[in-house]
Amino acid sequence: MKHLRVLEAAGIVVTRWSGREKLHFLNPVPIRLIHNRWIHKYAEHQVSALADLKAELEAKTCRQTRKRA
């Protein structure tokens, strides 16, 4: 419960009461802001490398199918 209080104080988790139940939901806005600030700059290189790999593999497959035809 201590961890939930910390996340709630940071605005990452939103708490709602439904009768006697205490429901916790993730708030996507601060999570996206954290992603954009800390993770995005590192993930961008990996995504571009995967896109290049995909293009290269598709071109190779296309060349192989042309040779067979």
PDB file of N, CA and C in Angstrom:
ATOM      1  N   MET A   1       0.822  -1.198   0.000  1.00  0.00           N
ATOM      2  CA  MET A   1       0.000   0.000   0.000  1.00  0.00           C
ATOM      3  C   MET A   1       0.867   1.264   0.000  1.00  0.00           C
ATOM      4  N   LYS A   2       2.062   1.155   0.580  1.00  0.00           N
ATOM      5  CA  LYS A   2       2.951   2.315   0.610  1.00  0.00           C
ATOM      6  C   LYS A   2       3.336   2.728  -0.814  1.00  0.00           C
ATOM      7  N   HIS A   3       3.582   1.740  -1.673  1.00  0.00           N
ATOM      8  CA  HIS A   3       3.961   2.040  -3.052  1.00  0.00           C
ATOM      9  C   HIS A   3       2.818   2.727  -3.788  1.00  0.00           C
ATOM     10  N   LEU A   4       1.601   2.289  -3.554  1.00  0.00           N
ATOM     11  CA  LEU A   4       0.451   2.923  -4.201  1.00  0.00           C
ATOM     12  C   LEU A   4       0.302   4.372  -3.756  1.00  0.00           C
ATOM     13  N   ARG A   5       0.574   4.634  -2.489  1.00  0.00           N
ATOM     14  CA  ARG A   5       0.492   6.020  -1.994  1.00  0.00           C
ATOM     15  C   ARG A   5       1.536   6.901  -2.675  1.00  0.00           C
ATOM     16  N   VAL A   6       2.721   6.353  -2.878  1.00  0.00           N
ATOM     17  CA  VAL A   6       3.784   7.118  -3.549  1.00  0.00           C
ATOM     18  C   VAL A   6       3.385   7.407  -4.993  1.00  0.00           C
ATOM     19  N   LEU A   7       2.872   6.390  -5.696  1.00  0.00           N
ATOM     20  CA  LEU A   7       2.439   6.575  -7.084  1.00  0.00           C
ATOM     21  C   LEU A   7       1.253   7.527  -7.174  1.00  0.00           C
ATOM     22  N   GLU A   8       0.373   7.454  -6.197  1.00  0.00           N
ATOM     23  CA  GLU A   8      -0.785   8.356  -6.165  1.00  0.00           C
ATOM     24  C   GLU A   8      -0.332   9.791  -5.927  1.00  0.00           C
ATOM     25  N   ALA A   9       0.632   9.993  -5.036  1.00  0.00           N
ATOM     26  CA  ALA A   9       1.163  11.334  -4.774  1.00  0.00           C
ATOM     27  C   ALA A   9       1.857  11.904  -6.006  1.00  0.00           C
ATOM     28  N   ALA A  10       2.468  11.035  -6.807  1.00  0.00           N
ATOM     29  CA  ALA A  10       3.140  11.478  -8.029  1.00  0.00           C
ATOM     30  C   ALA A  10       2.154  11.712  -9.170  1.00  0.00           C
ATOM     31  N   GLY A  11       0.903  11.294  -8.993  1.00  0.00           N
ATOM     32  CA  GLY A  11      -0.108  11.483 -10.036  1.00  0.00           C
ATOM     33  C   GLY A  11      -0.116  10.382 -11.076  1.00  0.00           C
ATOM     34  N   ILE A  12       0.644   9.319 -10.853  1.00  0.00           N
ATOM     35  CA  ILE A  12       0.703   8.223 -11.816  1.00  0.00           C
ATOM     36  C   ILE A  12      -0.480   7.276 -11.647  1.00  0.00           C
ATOM     37  N   VAL A  13      -0.955   7.152 -10.409  1.00  0.00           N
ATOM     38  CA  VAL A  13      -2.108   6.299 -10.117  1.00  0.00           C
ATOM     39  C   VAL A  13      -3.237   7.175  -9.598  1.00  0.00           C
ATOM     40  N   VAL A  14      -4.442   6.941 -10.116  1.00  0.00           N
ATOM     41  CA  VAL A  14      -5.637   7.651  -9.680  1.00  0.00           C
ATOM     42  C   VAL A  14      -6.487   6.671  -8.888  1.00  0.00           C
ATOM     43  N   THR A  15      -6.974   7.119  -7.736  1.00  0.00           N
ATOM     44  CA  THR A  15      -7.769   6.254  -6.874  1.00  0.00           C
ATOM     45  C   THR A  15      -9.226   6.698  -6.911  1.00  0.00           C
ATOM     46  N   ARG A  16     -10.120   5.728  -7.024  1.00  0.00           N
ATOM     47  CA  ARG A  16     -11.567   5.997  -6.987  1.00  0.00           C
ATOM     48  C   ARG A  16     -12.213   5.014  -6.027  1.00  0.00           C
ATOM     49  N   TRP A  17     -13.148   5.500  -5.270  1.00  0.00           N
ATOM     50  CA  TRP A  17     -13.890   4.629  -4.370  1.00  0.00           C
ATOM     51  C   TRP A  17     -15.191   4.218  -5.040  1.00  0.00           C
ATOM     52  N   SER A  18     -15.511   2.951  -4.963  1.00  0.00           N
ATOM     53  CA  SER A  18     -16.774   2.405  -5.457  1.00  0.00           C
ATOM     54  C   SER A  18     -17.372   1.587  -4.318  1.00  0.00           C
ATOM     55  N   GLY A  19     -18.207   2.245  -3.519  1.00  0.00           N
ATOM     56  CA  GLY A  19     -18.724   1.583  -2.321  1.00  0.00           C
ATOM     57  C   GLY A  19     -17.587   1.376  -1.336  1.00  0.00           C
ATOM     58  N   ARG A  20     -17.345   0.134  -0.962  1.00  0.00           N
ATOM     59  CA  ARG A  20     -16.251  -0.181  -0.035  1.00  0.00           C
ATOM     60  C   ARG A  20     -14.943  -0.473  -0.761  1.00  0.00           C
ATOM     61  N   GLU A  21     -15.012  -0.622  -2.076  1.00  0.00           N
ATOM     62  CA  GLU A  21     -13.811  -0.960  -2.845  1.00  0.00           C
ATOM     63  C   GLU A  21     -13.035   0.280  -3.226  1.00  0.00           C
ATOM     64  N   LYS A  22     -11.740   0.189  -3.093  1.00  0.00           N
ATOM     65  CA  LYS A  22     -10.846   1.259  -3.528  1.00  0.00           C
ATOM     66  C   LYS A  22     -10.195   0.793  -4.818  1.00  0.00           C
ATOM     67  N   LEU A  23     -10.515   1.466  -5.918  1.00  0.00           N
ATOM     68  CA  LEU A  23     -10.021   1.084  -7.234  1.00  0.00           C
ATOM     69  C   LEU A  23      -8.859   1.993  -7.635  1.00  0.00           C
ATOM     70  N   HIS A  24      -7.847   1.386  -8.243  1.00  0.00           N
ATOM     71  CA  HIS A  24      -6.673   2.137  -8.684  1.00  0.00           C
ATOM     72  C   HIS A  24      -6.558   2.034 -10.206  1.00  0.00           C
ATOM     73  N   PHE A  25      -6.319   3.169 -10.839  1.00  0.00           N
ATOM     74  CA  PHE A  25      -6.180   3.237 -12.290  1.00  0.00           C
ATOM     75  C   PHE A  25      -4.895   3.983 -12.632  1.00  0.00           C
ATOM     76  N   LEU A  26      -4.245   3.559 -13.701  1.00  0.00           N
ATOM     77  CA  LEU A  26      -3.061   4.272 -14.177  1.00  0.00           C
ATOM     78  C   LEU A  26      -3.480   5.534 -14.902  1.00  0.00           C
ATOM     79  N   ASN A  27      -2.766   6.609 -14.673  1.00  0.00           N
ATOM     80  CA  ASN A  27      -2.991   7.867 -15.369  1.00  0.00           C
ATOM     81  C   ASN A  27      -1.969   7.937 -16.503  1.00  0.00           C
ATOM     82  N   PRO A  28      -2.402   7.847 -17.762  1.00  0.00           N
ATOM     83  CA  PRO A  28      -1.447   7.755 -18.869  1.00  0.00           C
ATOM     84  C   PRO A  28      -0.664   9.043 -19.156  1.00  0.00           C
ATOM     85  N   VAL A  29      -1.170  10.185 -18.743  1.00  0.00           N
ATOM     86  CA  VAL A  29      -0.507  11.448 -19.081  1.00  0.00           C
ATOM     87  C   VAL A  29       0.878  11.547 -18.440  1.00  0.00           C
ATOM     88  N   PRO A  30       1.023  11.380 -17.126  1.00  0.00           N
ATOM     89  CA  PRO A  30       2.384  11.475 -16.579  1.00  0.00           C
ATOM     90  C   PRO A  30       3.292  10.347 -17.042  1.00  0.00           C
ATOM     91  N   ILE A  31       2.720   9.183 -17.325  1.00  0.00           N
ATOM     92  CA  ILE A  31       3.535   8.081 -17.833  1.00  0.00           C
ATOM     93  C   ILE A  31       4.102   8.452 -19.195  1.00  0.00           C
ATOM     94  N   ARG A  32       3.292   9.067 -20.050  1.00  0.00           N
ATOM     95  CA  ARG A  32       3.752   9.506 -21.376  1.00  0.00           C
ATOM     96  C   ARG A  32       4.806  10.600 -21.247  1.00  0.00           C
ATOM     97  N   LEU A  33       4.620  11.511 -20.302  1.00  0.00           N
ATOM     98  CA  LEU A  33       5.610  12.572 -20.103  1.00  0.00           C
ATOM     99  C   LEU A  33       6.952  11.994 -19.650  1.00  0.00           C
ATOM    100  N   ILE A  34       6.908  11.008 -18.767  1.00  0.00           N
ATOM    101  CA  ILE A  34       8.143  10.344 -18.325  1.00  0.00           C
ATOM    102  C   ILE A  34       8.797   9.639 -19.510  1.00  0.00           C
ATOM    103  N   HIS A  35       7.987   8.960 -20.307  1.00  0.00           N
ATOM    104  CA  HIS A  35       8.519   8.270 -21.493  1.00  0.00           C
ATOM    105  C   HIS A  35       9.183   9.262 -22.438  1.00  0.00           C
ATOM    106  N   ASN A  36       8.506  10.352 -22.731  1.00  0.00           N
ATOM    107  CA  ASN A  36       9.061  11.333 -23.663  1.00  0.00           C
ATOM    108  C   ASN A  36      10.361  11.944 -23.145  1.00  0.00           C
ATOM    109  N   ARG A  37      10.432  12.152 -21.838  1.00  0.00           N
ATOM    110  CA  ARG A  37      11.611  12.807 -21.282  1.00  0.00           C
ATOM    111  C   ARG A  37      12.799  11.862 -21.138  1.00  0.00           C
ATOM    112  N   TRP A  38      12.572  10.614 -20.727  1.00  0.00           N
ATOM    113  CA  TRP A  38      13.680   9.742 -20.369  1.00  0.00           C
ATOM    114  C   TRP A  38      13.923   8.582 -21.331  1.00  0.00           C
ATOM    115  N   ILE A  39      12.904   8.026 -21.926  1.00  0.00           N
ATOM    116  CA  ILE A  39      13.049   6.795 -22.689  1.00  0.00           C
ATOM    117  C   ILE A  39      13.077   7.040 -24.193  1.00  0.00           C
ATOM    118  N   HIS A  40      12.317   7.998 -24.671  1.00  0.00           N
ATOM    119  CA  HIS A  40      12.152   8.228 -26.104  1.00  0.00           C
ATOM    120  C   HIS A  40      13.476   8.407 -26.833  1.00  0.00           C
ATOM    121  N   LYS A  41      14.398   9.147 -26.238  1.00  0.00           N
ATOM    122  CA  LYS A  41      15.671   9.414 -26.929  1.00  0.00           C
ATOM    123  C   LYS A  41      16.503   8.145 -27.113  1.00  0.00           C
ATOM    124  N   TYR A  42      16.317   7.156 -26.233  1.00  0.00           N
ATOM    125  CA  TYR A  42      17.044   5.899 -26.371  1.00  0.00           C
ATOM    126  C   TYR A  42      16.313   4.924 -27.285  1.00  0.00           C
ATOM    127  N   ALA A  43      15.011   4.960 -27.290  1.00  0.00           N
ATOM    128  CA  ALA A  43      14.218   4.034 -28.095  1.00  0.00           C
ATOM    129  C   ALA A  43      14.219   4.433 -29.573  1.00  0.00           C
ATOM    130  N   GLU A  44      14.430   5.687 -29.868  1.00  0.00           N
ATOM    131  CA  GLU A  44      14.379   6.170 -31.251  1.00  0.00           C
ATOM    132  C   GLU A  44      15.402   5.458 -32.130  1.00  0.00           C
ATOM    133  N   HIS A  45      16.607   5.260 -31.640  1.00  0.00           N
ATOM    134  CA  HIS A  45      17.660   4.579 -32.409  1.00  0.00           C
ATOM    135  C   HIS A  45      17.265   3.129 -32.686  1.00  0.00           C
ATOM    136  N   GLN A  46      16.717   2.458 -31.689  1.00  0.00           N
ATOM    137  CA  GLN A  46      16.320   1.057 -31.860  1.00  0.00           C
ATOM    138  C   GLN A  46      15.184   0.927 -32.862  1.00  0.00           C
ATOM    139  N   VAL A  47      14.223   1.828 -32.813  1.00  0.00           N
ATOM    140  CA  VAL A  47      13.099   1.768 -33.736  1.00  0.00           C
ATOM    141  C   VAL A  47      13.565   1.998 -35.166  1.00  0.00           C
ATOM    142  N   SER A  48      14.464   2.952 -35.357  1.00  0.00           N
ATOM    143  CA  SER A  48      14.958   3.197 -36.721  1.00  0.00           C
ATOM    144  C   SER A  48      15.788   2.014 -37.214  1.00  0.00           C
ATOM    145  N   ALA A  49      16.543   1.371 -36.326  1.00  0.00           N
ATOM    146  CA  ALA A  49      17.317   0.189 -36.718  1.00  0.00           C
ATOM    147  C   ALA A  49      16.387  -0.960 -37.117  1.00  0.00           C
ATOM    148  N   LEU A  50      15.300  -1.139 -36.382  1.00  0.00           N
ATOM    149  CA  LEU A  50      14.330  -2.182 -36.736  1.00  0.00           C
ATOM    150  C   LEU A  50      13.635  -1.878 -38.060  1.00  0.00           C
ATOM    151  N   ALA A  51      13.337  -0.610 -38.299  1.00  0.00           N
ATOM    152  CA  ALA A  51      12.711  -0.237 -39.569  1.00  0.00           C
ATOM    153  C   ALA A  51      13.658  -0.503 -40.735  1.00  0.00           C
ATOM    154  N   ASP A  52      14.938  -0.193 -40.546  1.00  0.00           N
ATOM    155  CA  ASP A  52      15.933  -0.470 -41.590  1.00  0.00           C
ATOM    156  C   ASP A  52      16.066  -1.967 -41.838  1.00  0.00           C
ATOM    157  N   LEU A  53      16.082  -2.759 -40.770  1.00  0.00           N
ATOM    158  CA  LEU A  53      16.167  -4.205 -40.898  1.00  0.00           C
ATOM    159  C   LEU A  53      14.954  -4.760 -41.638  1.00  0.00           C
ATOM    160  N   LYS A  54      13.779  -4.258 -41.315  1.00  0.00           N
ATOM    161  CA  LYS A  54      12.553  -4.691 -41.984  1.00  0.00           C
ATOM    162  C   LYS A  54      12.620  -4.394 -43.473  1.00  0.00           C
ATOM    163  N   ALA A  55      13.046  -3.197 -43.831  1.00  0.00           N
ATOM    164  CA  ALA A  55      13.144  -2.817 -45.244  1.00  0.00           C
ATOM    165  C   ALA A  55      14.147  -3.693 -45.977  1.00  0.00           C
ATOM    166  N   GLU A  56      15.272  -3.970 -45.328  1.00  0.00           N
ATOM    167  CA  GLU A  56      16.299  -4.807 -45.952  1.00  0.00           C
ATOM    168  C   GLU A  56      15.806  -6.240 -46.158  1.00  0.00           C
ATOM    169  N   LEU A  57      15.128  -6.790 -45.160  1.00  0.00           N
ATOM    170  CA  LEU A  57      14.605  -8.155 -45.284  1.00  0.00           C
ATOM    171  C   LEU A  57      13.514  -8.247 -46.341  1.00  0.00           C
ATOM    172  N   GLU A  58      12.654  -7.240 -46.414  1.00  0.00           N
ATOM    173  CA  GLU A  58      11.603  -7.231 -47.430  1.00  0.00           C
ATOM    174  C   GLU A  58      12.207  -7.124 -48.823  1.00  0.00           C
ATOM    175  N   ALA A  59      13.256  -6.316 -48.978  1.00  0.00           N
ATOM    176  CA  ALA A  59      13.916  -6.181 -50.281  1.00  0.00           C
ATOM    177  C   ALA A  59      14.584  -7.496 -50.671  1.00  0.00           C
ATOM    178  N   LYS A  60      15.204  -8.161 -49.707  1.00  0.00           N
ATOM    179  CA  LYS A  60      15.849  -9.437 -49.970  1.00  0.00           C
ATOM    180  C   LYS A  60      14.815 -10.485 -50.391  1.00  0.00           C
ATOM    181  N   THR A  61      13.680 -10.526 -49.706  1.00  0.00           N
ATOM    182  CA  THR A  61      12.609 -11.463 -50.041  1.00  0.00           C
ATOM    183  C   THR A  61      12.058 -11.175 -51.428  1.00  0.00           C
ATOM    184  N   CYS A  62      11.922  -9.898 -51.747  1.00  0.00           N
ATOM    185  CA  CYS A  62      11.402  -9.506 -53.058  1.00  0.00           C
ATOM    186  C   CYS A  62      12.374  -9.943 -54.161  1.00  0.00           C
ATOM    187  N   ARG A  63      13.677  -9.783 -53.935  1.00  0.00           N
ATOM    188  CA  ARG A  63      14.670 -10.199 -54.920  1.00  0.00           C
ATOM    189  C   ARG A  63      14.664 -11.710 -55.110  1.00  0.00           C
ATOM    190  N   GLN A  64      14.473 -12.451 -54.028  1.00  0.00           N
ATOM    191  CA  GLN A  64      14.452 -13.906 -54.112  1.00  0.00           C
ATOM    192  C   GLN A  64      13.228 -14.395 -54.885  1.00  0.00           C
ATOM    193  N   THR A  65      12.092 -13.761 -54.705  1.00  0.00           N
ATOM    194  CA  THR A  65      10.889 -14.173 -55.418  1.00  0.00           C
ATOM    195  C   THR A  65      10.990 -13.834 -56.908  1.00  0.00           C
ATOM    196  N   ARG A  66      11.716 -12.770 -57.238  1.00  0.00           N
ATOM    197  CA  ARG A  66      11.916 -12.422 -58.652  1.00  0.00           C
ATOM    198  C   ARG A  66      12.795 -13.461 -59.335  1.00  0.00           C
ATOM    199  N   LYS A  67      13.826 -13.944 -58.633  1.00  0.00           N
ATOM    200  CA  LYS A  67      14.723 -14.925 -59.201  1.00  0.00           C
ATOM    201  C   LYS A  67      13.985 -16.246 -59.479  1.00  0.00           C
ATOM    202  N   ARG A  68      13.036 -16.609 -58.627  1.00  0.00           N
ATOM    203  CA  ARG A  68      12.288 -17.844 -58.792  1.00  0.00           C
ATOM    204  C   ARG A  68      11.297 -17.759 -59.949  1.00  0.00           C
ATOM    205  N   ALA A  69      10.828 -16.574 -60.224  1.00  0.00           N
ATOM    206  CA  ALA A  69       9.789 -16.430 -61.267  1.00  0.00           C
ATOM    207  C   ALA A  69      10.338 -16.447 -62.656  1.00  0.00           C
TER     208      ALA A  69
END
